[in-house]
Amino acid sequence: MPSVAFHTLGCKVNQYDSQAMLEKFAQAGYELRDFDQRADVYVVNTCTVTGTGDKKSLNAVRRALRQNPNAEVVIAGCLAQRDGEKLLSTGARLVIGNARRREVVCLLEEAIEKGERVCAVEDILRAPYEPLSISSHEGHTRAVLKIQEGCDRYCTYCIIPYVRGGIRSRKPEDIAREACRLGQAGFRELVLTGIHLTSYGRDLENQTLLDAVRACDVPGVARIRLGSLEPVIVTEAFVGALAEENKVCPQFHLALQSGSDAVLKRMRRRYTTEDFLSACQTLRTAFPDCAITTDVICGFPGETEEDFEETVAFCRKIGFARMHVFPYSARQGTPAAAMPGQIPKADREERARRLIKEGIEMAKSYRESLVGKEAEVLLEETDEDGTPRGYTAQYMECRVPDGKPGEICRVRIIGAHGDGLIGEKLGNAGA
């Protein structure tokens, strides 16, 4: 029996795409192995959002060939879509990008049979939605469910529209079928994800993100968690309707990118800091104690020290539950890469370190604000000492000494533990 191992970099959409390809290999009779084991086939699903993503992707390919110099390597994902033929020089047998992933096994075996190295990357800008699907996922309680592909925002720093193509939405009936399969398989939480979730339904007739959320309200699924959103979708009408869906988790990831209006304009983001603040206030009114998380880029071209300090002050004003902070990474082919005022790498990284430190303090303050309150925890696994742990609906890790993995229990938050919480079990919650 041939064996295959996967390594996935980047976002939750990539996680979903990898799972879909993995299931194709399993259906074809391949034994699934960990990436650090010797395998006949290695699949590297790449990321190219930053230069770091590029390096990690190529390192994974080299690592695979060190483990088994005779292995066949498949390179998929965003770096593959971007560099195509160039990546065949790595020793890969097949490069497929962000299309034709349903055909991955057939394409690979055909290339092996012919003794060829094949680049099957296609023009993604006009590609239809590729109907990938999954029936399982890593772990035992939470699954990612992809409902949307592509982006047409063309923020000046972002390579993603060029490697993922335009907006394509999955039909609600297809979403519902997969949600049912995952619910029947025992997954209690679904994380709805896409490249630009806010645009879901724009290419469908009379469909919005709310329709996708409602399609996931199926037996067995107790929680529905949304992926990254933009402030433009956070209207009172949208949030009010979302609050009526009692399975929606009160954790919202709003991508800020900068707390300076001047920088946001150069980034070609379609909101101001005032819009962002209003969106946060609307969410907190409808979902008290909700966790608002974000992404921030430090050192964007032309960002002055004053611009950066505005960002720090604005982040403090919002009080995020968690922040993902990145130094700006120039992507060749994007407008920002050619902008004047490029910030030296050392300055970008120093600003990122400063903001990360602020984020750590904000996260600590948010966790402390939950102590003494009740929450529901979806328990997933046990610590080394045997204590069950999982996540609250706000996606805060919580240890529950009297709990059991797989259950959702009601707890009172009685303290903090490292980067997480400690809960006292009060009882079990319904599905």
Protein backbone atom coordinates (compact mmCIF):
# COMPACT_ATOMS: atom_id res chain seq x y z
CA MET A 1 0.00 0.00 0.00
CA PRO A 2 1.53 3.38 -1.00
CA SER A 3 1.74 6.05 1.69
CA VAL A 4 1.17 9.84 1.67
CA ALA A 5 1.96 12.62 4.14
CA PHE A 6 0.72 16.22 4.17
CA HIS A 7 2.21 19.49 5.39
CA THR A 8 -0.07 22.53 5.37
CA LEU A 9 1.02 26.13 5.75
CA GLY A 10 -1.06 29.29 6.12
CA CYS A 11 -4.76 29.82 6.64
CA LYS A 12 -7.78 27.73 7.54
CA VAL A 13 -8.80 27.65 3.87
CA ASN A 14 -5.55 25.79 3.19
CA GLN A 15 -6.35 23.42 6.05
CA TYR A 16 -9.66 22.62 4.41
CA ASP A 17 -8.11 22.18 0.96
CA SER A 18 -5.51 19.80 2.39
CA GLN A 19 -8.16 17.71 4.10
CA ALA A 20 -10.09 17.46 0.82
CA MET A 21 -6.97 16.27 -1.03
CA LEU A 22 -6.04 13.92 1.81
CA GLU A 23 -9.43 12.24 1.53
CA LYS A 24 -8.87 11.76 -2.22
CA PHE A 25 -5.63 9.90 -1.47
CA ALA A 26 -7.34 7.82 1.23
CA GLN A 27 -10.11 6.86 -1.21
CA ALA A 28 -7.43 5.77 -3.69
CA GLY A 29 -5.95 3.37 -1.14
CA TYR A 30 -3.04 5.39 0.21
CA GLU A 31 -1.95 4.95 3.81
CA LEU A 32 -1.85 8.29 5.64
CA ARG A 33 1.31 9.13 7.57
CA ASP A 34 2.66 12.04 9.57
CA PHE A 35 4.91 14.42 7.65
CA ASP A 36 7.92 13.56 9.82
CA GLN A 37 7.62 9.92 8.81
CA ARG A 38 9.01 8.29 5.70
CA ALA A 39 6.33 8.25 2.97
CA ASP A 40 6.06 7.49 -0.73
CA VAL A 41 4.29 10.78 -1.47
CA TYR A 42 4.56 14.14 0.26
CA VAL A 43 2.04 16.91 -0.40
CA VAL A 44 3.05 20.43 0.61
CA ASN A 45 0.14 22.89 0.56
CA THR A 46 1.94 26.21 0.42
CA CYS A 47 1.42 29.81 1.54
CA THR A 48 2.76 32.98 -0.08
CA VAL A 49 1.12 35.72 2.02
CA THR A 50 4.55 36.73 3.32
CA GLY A 51 8.18 36.02 2.52
CA THR A 52 8.22 33.81 5.61
CA GLY A 53 5.45 31.72 4.09
CA ASP A 54 7.51 31.24 0.93
CA LYS A 55 10.56 30.13 2.91
CA LYS A 56 8.62 27.72 5.13
CA SER A 57 6.93 26.20 2.07
CA LEU A 58 10.23 25.55 0.28
CA ASN A 59 11.82 24.26 3.49
CA ALA A 60 8.98 21.71 3.79
CA VAL A 61 9.69 20.44 0.27
CA ARG A 62 13.41 20.05 1.06
CA ARG A 63 12.56 18.33 4.35
CA ALA A 64 10.35 15.81 2.54
CA LEU A 65 13.10 14.91 0.07
CA ARG A 66 15.64 14.55 2.89
CA GLN A 67 13.37 12.04 4.60
CA ASN A 68 12.92 10.06 1.40
CA PRO A 69 15.01 11.11 -1.62
CA ASN A 70 12.95 8.76 -3.79
CA ALA A 71 9.58 10.18 -2.73
CA GLU A 72 7.17 11.89 -5.07
CA VAL A 73 6.41 15.48 -4.03
CA VAL A 74 3.26 17.42 -4.84
CA ILE A 75 3.32 21.20 -4.36
CA ALA A 76 -0.11 22.83 -4.10
CA GLY A 77 -1.54 26.09 -2.82
CA CYS A 78 -0.73 29.77 -3.21
CA LEU A 79 3.05 29.66 -3.78
CA ALA A 80 2.47 26.93 -6.35
CA GLN A 81 -0.14 29.08 -8.07
CA ARG A 82 2.28 31.98 -8.12
CA ASP A 83 5.51 30.30 -9.23
CA GLY A 84 4.22 27.27 -11.18
CA GLU A 85 6.90 25.91 -13.53
CA LYS A 86 9.67 27.43 -11.42
CA LEU A 87 8.88 25.03 -8.57
CA LEU A 88 9.52 21.94 -10.70
CA SER A 89 13.22 22.65 -10.12
CA THR A 90 12.72 21.67 -6.46
CA GLY A 91 12.33 18.06 -7.54
CA ALA A 92 8.54 18.05 -7.29
CA ARG A 93 6.69 15.59 -9.50
CA LEU A 94 3.51 17.70 -9.64
CA VAL A 95 2.68 21.38 -9.08
CA ILE A 96 -1.06 22.12 -9.06
CA GLY A 97 -1.74 25.53 -7.47
CA ASN A 98 -5.29 26.35 -6.36
CA ALA A 99 -7.29 24.44 -8.96
CA ARG A 100 -7.65 20.80 -10.07
CA ARG A 101 -7.11 19.60 -6.51
CA ARG A 102 -9.92 17.07 -6.91
CA GLU A 103 -7.72 15.47 -9.59
CA VAL A 104 -4.57 15.39 -7.48
CA VAL A 105 -4.25 11.59 -7.32
CA CYS A 106 -4.95 11.07 -11.02
CA LEU A 107 -2.58 13.86 -12.06
CA LEU A 108 0.18 12.53 -9.84
CA GLU A 109 -0.14 8.91 -10.93
CA GLU A 110 -0.30 9.91 -14.60
CA ALA A 111 2.87 11.99 -14.21
CA ILE A 112 4.66 9.08 -12.53
CA GLU A 113 3.54 6.66 -15.22
CA LYS A 114 4.84 8.95 -17.97
CA GLY A 115 8.03 9.74 -16.09
CA GLU A 116 7.34 13.47 -16.33
CA ARG A 117 7.42 16.43 -13.96
CA VAL A 118 4.14 18.24 -14.48
CA CYS A 119 2.99 21.79 -13.78
CA ALA A 120 -0.82 21.69 -13.86
CA VAL A 121 -1.31 25.28 -12.65
CA GLU A 122 -4.19 26.99 -14.46
CA ASP A 123 -5.41 30.58 -14.80
CA ILE A 124 -7.12 31.16 -11.47
CA LEU A 125 -8.64 34.54 -12.30
CA ARG A 126 -11.45 32.98 -14.33
CA ALA A 127 -11.74 29.67 -12.50
CA PRO A 128 -15.16 28.52 -11.21
CA TYR A 129 -15.68 27.43 -7.61
CA GLU A 130 -13.98 24.08 -7.19
CA PRO A 131 -16.44 21.77 -5.40
CA LEU A 132 -14.12 20.28 -2.82
CA SER A 133 -15.67 18.53 0.15
CA ILE A 134 -14.60 16.81 3.35
CA SER A 135 -16.14 14.24 5.67
CA SER A 136 -13.64 14.47 8.51
CA HIS A 137 -10.97 16.77 9.91
CA GLU A 138 -8.00 16.78 12.24
CA GLY A 139 -9.07 16.50 15.83
CA HIS A 140 -12.39 15.20 17.05
CA THR A 141 -14.67 18.11 17.89
CA ARG A 142 -14.12 21.07 15.50
CA ALA A 143 -14.07 21.13 11.71
CA VAL A 144 -13.34 23.86 9.19
CA LEU A 145 -16.03 24.26 6.54
CA LYS A 146 -15.03 26.23 3.45
CA ILE A 147 -17.89 28.25 1.99
CA GLN A 148 -16.15 30.80 -0.23
CA GLU A 149 -13.12 31.22 -2.45
CA GLY A 150 -11.26 34.20 -3.89
CA CYS A 151 -11.13 37.95 -3.33
CA ASP A 152 -11.53 41.05 -5.51
CA ARG A 153 -10.56 43.74 -2.98
CA TYR A 154 -6.97 44.12 -4.23
CA CYS A 155 -5.57 45.73 -1.10
CA THR A 156 -2.26 47.24 -2.15
CA TYR A 157 -0.11 44.90 -0.01
CA CYS A 158 -1.91 41.63 -0.75
CA ILE A 159 -0.96 38.94 -3.27
CA ILE A 160 -3.99 36.75 -2.52
CA PRO A 161 -6.39 37.97 -5.28
CA TYR A 162 -3.69 37.09 -7.81
CA VAL A 163 -3.27 33.52 -6.55
CA ARG A 164 -6.83 32.73 -5.42
CA GLY A 165 -8.85 34.47 -8.12
CA GLY A 166 -12.14 36.34 -7.87
CA ILE A 167 -15.17 35.85 -5.64
CA ARG A 168 -16.79 32.40 -5.83
CA SER A 169 -19.37 31.26 -3.27
CA ARG A 170 -20.53 27.79 -2.37
CA LYS A 171 -24.28 27.24 -2.62
CA PRO A 172 -26.15 27.03 0.71
CA GLU A 173 -27.57 23.60 -0.14
CA ASP A 174 -24.04 22.24 -0.65
CA ILE A 175 -22.96 23.82 2.64
CA ALA A 176 -25.91 22.21 4.43
CA ARG A 177 -25.08 18.75 3.05
CA GLU A 178 -21.50 18.95 4.25
CA ALA A 179 -22.56 20.39 7.62
CA CYS A 180 -24.86 17.40 8.07
CA ARG A 181 -22.05 14.96 7.23
CA LEU A 182 -19.73 16.62 9.71
CA GLY A 183 -22.42 16.77 12.38
CA GLN A 184 -23.13 13.06 11.91
CA ALA A 185 -19.39 12.35 12.16
CA GLY A 186 -19.38 13.91 15.64
CA PHE A 187 -18.05 17.40 15.03
CA ARG A 188 -19.70 19.74 17.52
CA GLU A 189 -18.32 22.99 16.10
CA LEU A 190 -18.01 24.24 12.52
CA VAL A 191 -15.70 27.11 11.59
CA LEU A 192 -16.96 28.84 8.45
CA THR A 193 -14.03 30.01 6.39
CA GLY A 194 -13.20 31.58 3.05
CA ILE A 195 -10.66 33.86 1.47
CA HIS A 196 -12.98 36.88 1.81
CA LEU A 197 -15.92 35.72 3.91
CA THR A 198 -17.52 39.16 3.88
CA SER A 199 -18.16 38.80 0.13
CA TYR A 200 -20.00 35.49 0.47
CA GLY A 201 -23.08 35.35 -1.78
CA ARG A 202 -22.26 38.32 -4.01
CA ASP A 203 -22.04 35.97 -6.98
CA LEU A 204 -25.20 34.07 -6.03
CA GLU A 205 -28.78 35.19 -6.41
CA ASN A 206 -30.27 36.63 -3.20
CA GLN A 207 -27.78 34.95 -0.86
CA THR A 208 -25.78 36.44 2.00
CA LEU A 209 -23.45 35.20 4.70
CA LEU A 210 -26.47 34.78 6.97
CA ASP A 211 -27.82 32.13 4.59
CA ALA A 212 -24.56 30.22 4.89
CA VAL A 213 -24.73 30.43 8.70
CA ARG A 214 -28.31 29.15 8.72
CA ALA A 215 -27.36 26.29 6.41
CA CYS A 216 -25.03 25.02 9.14
CA ASP A 217 -27.73 24.85 11.81
CA VAL A 218 -28.02 21.07 11.65
CA PRO A 219 -28.39 18.28 14.24
CA GLY A 220 -25.20 17.46 16.11
CA VAL A 221 -23.58 20.84 15.48
CA ALA A 222 -23.68 22.94 18.64
CA ARG A 223 -21.48 25.85 17.57
CA ILE A 224 -20.97 27.88 14.42
CA ARG A 225 -17.88 30.09 14.38
CA LEU A 226 -17.20 32.72 11.74
CA GLY A 227 -13.83 33.30 10.13
CA SER A 228 -12.35 36.71 9.35
CA LEU A 229 -14.77 39.55 8.60
CA GLU A 230 -14.45 43.20 7.60
CA PRO A 231 -16.22 46.12 9.34
CA VAL A 232 -18.38 46.83 6.27
CA ILE A 233 -20.52 43.76 6.99
CA VAL A 234 -21.00 44.58 10.68
CA THR A 235 -24.25 46.53 10.45
CA GLU A 236 -26.91 46.57 13.13
CA ALA A 237 -29.20 44.54 10.85
CA PHE A 238 -26.55 41.87 10.21
CA VAL A 239 -25.45 41.61 13.82
CA GLY A 240 -29.06 41.58 15.05
CA ALA A 241 -29.88 38.69 12.75
CA LEU A 242 -26.69 36.90 13.76
CA ALA A 243 -27.60 37.23 17.44
CA GLU A 244 -30.85 35.40 16.76
CA GLU A 245 -28.89 32.36 15.61
CA ASN A 246 -28.19 30.81 19.01
CA LYS A 247 -25.35 28.59 17.80
CA VAL A 248 -23.14 31.48 16.63
CA CYS A 249 -20.02 31.87 18.76
CA PRO A 250 -19.39 35.32 20.29
CA GLN A 251 -15.90 35.57 18.83
CA PHE A 252 -15.34 37.82 15.84
CA HIS A 253 -12.14 38.33 13.90
CA LEU A 254 -12.12 41.80 12.34
CA ALA A 255 -8.99 42.47 10.30
CA LEU A 256 -7.79 45.97 11.26
CA GLN A 257 -4.34 46.03 9.55
CA SER A 258 -3.64 49.59 10.77
CA GLY A 259 -5.01 52.04 13.31
CA SER A 260 -3.98 55.01 11.15
CA ASP A 261 -6.48 56.34 8.62
CA ALA A 262 -3.64 57.58 6.41
CA VAL A 263 -2.12 54.10 6.28
CA LEU A 264 -5.51 52.42 5.75
CA LYS A 265 -6.05 54.65 2.73
CA ARG A 266 -2.68 53.68 1.22
CA MET A 267 -3.50 50.05 1.92
CA ARG A 268 -6.75 50.52 0.00
CA ARG A 269 -8.79 49.21 2.89
CA ARG A 270 -12.42 50.22 2.54
CA TYR A 271 -13.07 51.55 6.05
CA THR A 272 -11.79 54.11 8.52
CA THR A 273 -10.86 53.68 12.17
CA GLU A 274 -14.23 55.28 13.01
CA ASP A 275 -15.99 52.57 10.98
CA PHE A 276 -13.98 49.90 12.76
CA LEU A 277 -14.77 51.30 16.21
CA SER A 278 -18.48 51.46 15.35
CA ALA A 279 -18.42 47.81 14.22
CA CYS A 280 -16.84 46.74 17.52
CA GLN A 281 -19.43 48.69 19.51
CA THR A 282 -22.25 47.09 17.52
CA LEU A 283 -20.88 43.60 18.18
CA ARG A 284 -20.40 44.26 21.89
CA THR A 285 -23.94 45.58 22.25
CA ALA A 286 -25.43 42.43 20.72
CA PHE A 287 -22.87 39.98 22.15
CA PRO A 288 -21.75 41.11 25.63
CA ASP A 289 -18.32 39.73 26.60
CA CYS A 290 -17.62 38.76 22.98
CA ALA A 291 -14.01 38.32 21.97
CA ILE A 292 -12.84 40.59 19.16
CA THR A 293 -9.59 39.49 17.55
CA THR A 294 -7.61 41.10 14.75
CA ASP A 295 -4.61 41.24 12.39
CA VAL A 296 -2.23 44.22 12.22
CA ILE A 297 0.61 44.94 9.80
CA CYS A 298 3.52 47.02 11.12
CA GLY A 299 5.86 49.07 8.95
CA PHE A 300 3.68 49.47 5.84
CA PRO A 301 5.41 51.75 3.27
CA GLY A 302 5.22 55.37 4.38
CA GLU A 303 4.14 54.52 7.95
CA THR A 304 5.65 57.18 10.20
CA GLU A 305 6.37 56.75 13.87
CA GLU A 306 3.29 58.92 14.48
CA ASP A 307 1.18 56.58 12.31
CA PHE A 308 2.44 53.62 14.30
CA GLU A 309 1.67 55.31 17.63
CA GLU A 310 -1.86 55.98 16.33
CA THR A 311 -2.17 52.25 15.69
CA VAL A 312 -0.98 51.38 19.19
CA ALA A 313 -3.40 53.88 20.76
CA PHE A 314 -6.31 52.68 18.64
CA CYS A 315 -5.65 49.02 19.51
CA ARG A 316 -5.65 49.94 23.20
CA LYS A 317 -8.94 51.79 22.69
CA ILE A 318 -10.56 48.70 21.16
CA GLY A 319 -9.08 46.26 23.68
CA PHE A 320 -8.65 43.16 21.54
CA ALA A 321 -8.90 39.69 23.02
CA ARG A 322 -6.11 38.54 20.72
CA MET A 323 -3.92 40.17 18.08
CA HIS A 324 -1.94 38.64 15.22
CA VAL A 325 0.84 41.12 14.46
CA PHE A 326 3.08 40.94 11.40
CA PRO A 327 5.89 43.11 10.07
CA TYR A 328 5.06 44.23 6.53
CA SER A 329 6.34 41.83 3.87
CA ALA A 330 6.65 43.16 0.31
CA ARG A 331 5.04 40.91 -2.29
CA GLN A 332 6.40 41.35 -5.80
CA GLY A 333 3.63 42.40 -8.18
CA THR A 334 1.56 44.28 -5.60
CA PRO A 335 1.29 48.11 -5.68
CA ALA A 336 2.73 48.45 -2.17
CA ALA A 337 5.99 46.80 -3.20
CA ALA A 338 6.68 49.75 -5.51
CA MET A 339 5.55 52.48 -3.12
CA PRO A 340 8.03 55.07 -1.86
CA GLY A 341 8.90 55.14 1.82
CA GLN A 342 9.77 51.46 2.29
CA ILE A 343 10.55 50.92 5.98
CA PRO A 344 13.82 49.14 6.89
CA LYS A 345 13.30 45.55 8.01
CA ALA A 346 14.77 46.21 11.46
CA ASP A 347 12.26 49.04 12.06
CA ARG A 348 9.32 46.94 10.84
CA GLU A 349 10.28 44.10 13.15
CA GLU A 350 10.88 46.43 16.10
CA ARG A 351 7.41 47.97 15.69
CA ALA A 352 5.89 44.51 15.47
CA ARG A 353 7.60 43.49 18.71
CA ARG A 354 6.26 46.57 20.46
CA LEU A 355 2.72 45.90 19.30
CA ILE A 356 2.93 42.21 20.15
CA LYS A 357 3.82 43.22 23.70
CA GLU A 358 0.73 45.45 23.82
CA GLY A 359 -1.35 42.57 22.47
CA ILE A 360 -0.16 40.24 25.22
CA GLU A 361 -1.33 42.73 27.85
CA MET A 362 -4.71 43.16 26.13
CA ALA A 363 -5.21 39.40 25.97
CA LYS A 364 -4.40 39.09 29.67
CA SER A 365 -6.90 41.84 30.52
CA TYR A 366 -9.60 40.16 28.45
CA ARG A 367 -9.05 36.79 30.14
CA GLU A 368 -9.18 38.43 33.56
CA SER A 369 -12.50 40.08 32.63
CA LEU A 370 -14.03 36.61 32.26
CA VAL A 371 -13.10 35.37 35.76
CA GLY A 372 -16.22 34.86 37.85
CA LYS A 373 -18.48 34.50 34.81
CA GLU A 374 -20.10 31.40 33.39
CA ALA A 375 -19.19 29.90 30.04
CA GLU A 376 -19.66 26.80 27.93
CA VAL A 377 -16.51 24.84 27.12
CA LEU A 378 -16.18 22.34 24.29
CA LEU A 379 -13.62 19.91 25.69
CA GLU A 380 -11.25 18.48 23.11
CA GLU A 381 -8.30 16.70 24.72
CA THR A 382 -6.34 16.29 27.92
CA ASP A 383 -3.15 17.97 29.15
CA GLU A 384 -0.07 15.95 30.03
CA ASP A 385 -1.33 15.76 33.61
CA GLY A 386 -4.67 14.33 32.42
CA THR A 387 -6.73 17.50 32.87
CA PRO A 388 -9.35 17.94 30.11
CA ARG A 389 -9.16 21.19 28.17
CA GLY A 390 -11.00 22.86 25.36
CA TYR A 391 -12.35 26.23 24.27
CA THR A 392 -15.08 28.57 25.37
CA ALA A 393 -17.41 30.04 22.76
CA GLN A 394 -15.10 33.08 22.77
CA TYR A 395 -12.27 30.73 21.75
CA MET A 396 -10.43 31.02 25.05
CA GLU A 397 -8.62 27.86 26.07
CA CYS A 398 -10.00 26.51 29.34
CA ARG A 399 -9.00 23.61 31.59
CA VAL A 400 -11.87 21.82 33.33
CA PRO A 401 -10.65 19.25 35.91
CA ASP A 402 -13.98 17.37 36.16
CA GLY A 403 -14.81 17.39 32.45
CA LYS A 404 -14.51 14.78 29.72
CA PRO A 405 -13.22 15.29 26.15
CA GLY A 406 -16.02 15.51 23.60
CA GLU A 407 -18.59 17.09 25.89
CA ILE A 408 -19.75 20.66 26.15
CA CYS A 409 -19.96 21.63 29.78
CA ARG A 410 -21.12 24.71 31.64
CA VAL A 411 -18.41 26.14 33.86
CA ARG A 412 -17.67 29.06 36.10
CA ILE A 413 -14.35 30.67 35.25
CA ILE A 414 -12.37 30.62 38.51
CA GLY A 415 -8.93 31.71 37.35
CA ALA A 416 -6.25 31.85 34.71
CA HIS A 417 -3.65 29.29 33.68
CA GLY A 418 -0.85 30.55 31.46
CA ASP A 419 -2.54 31.84 28.32
CA GLY A 420 -5.83 30.17 29.19
CA LEU A 421 -8.51 29.86 31.84
CA ILE A 422 -9.52 27.42 34.56
CA GLY A 423 -13.18 26.42 34.82
CA GLU A 424 -15.22 24.82 37.57
CA LYS A 425 -17.76 22.44 36.05
CA LEU A 426 -21.40 23.25 36.78
CA GLY A 427 -23.04 20.74 34.45
CA ASN A 428 -23.41 19.67 30.83
CA ALA A 429 -24.80 21.86 28.08
CA GLY A 430 -27.31 20.70 25.49
CA ALA A 431 -26.46 20.16 21.82
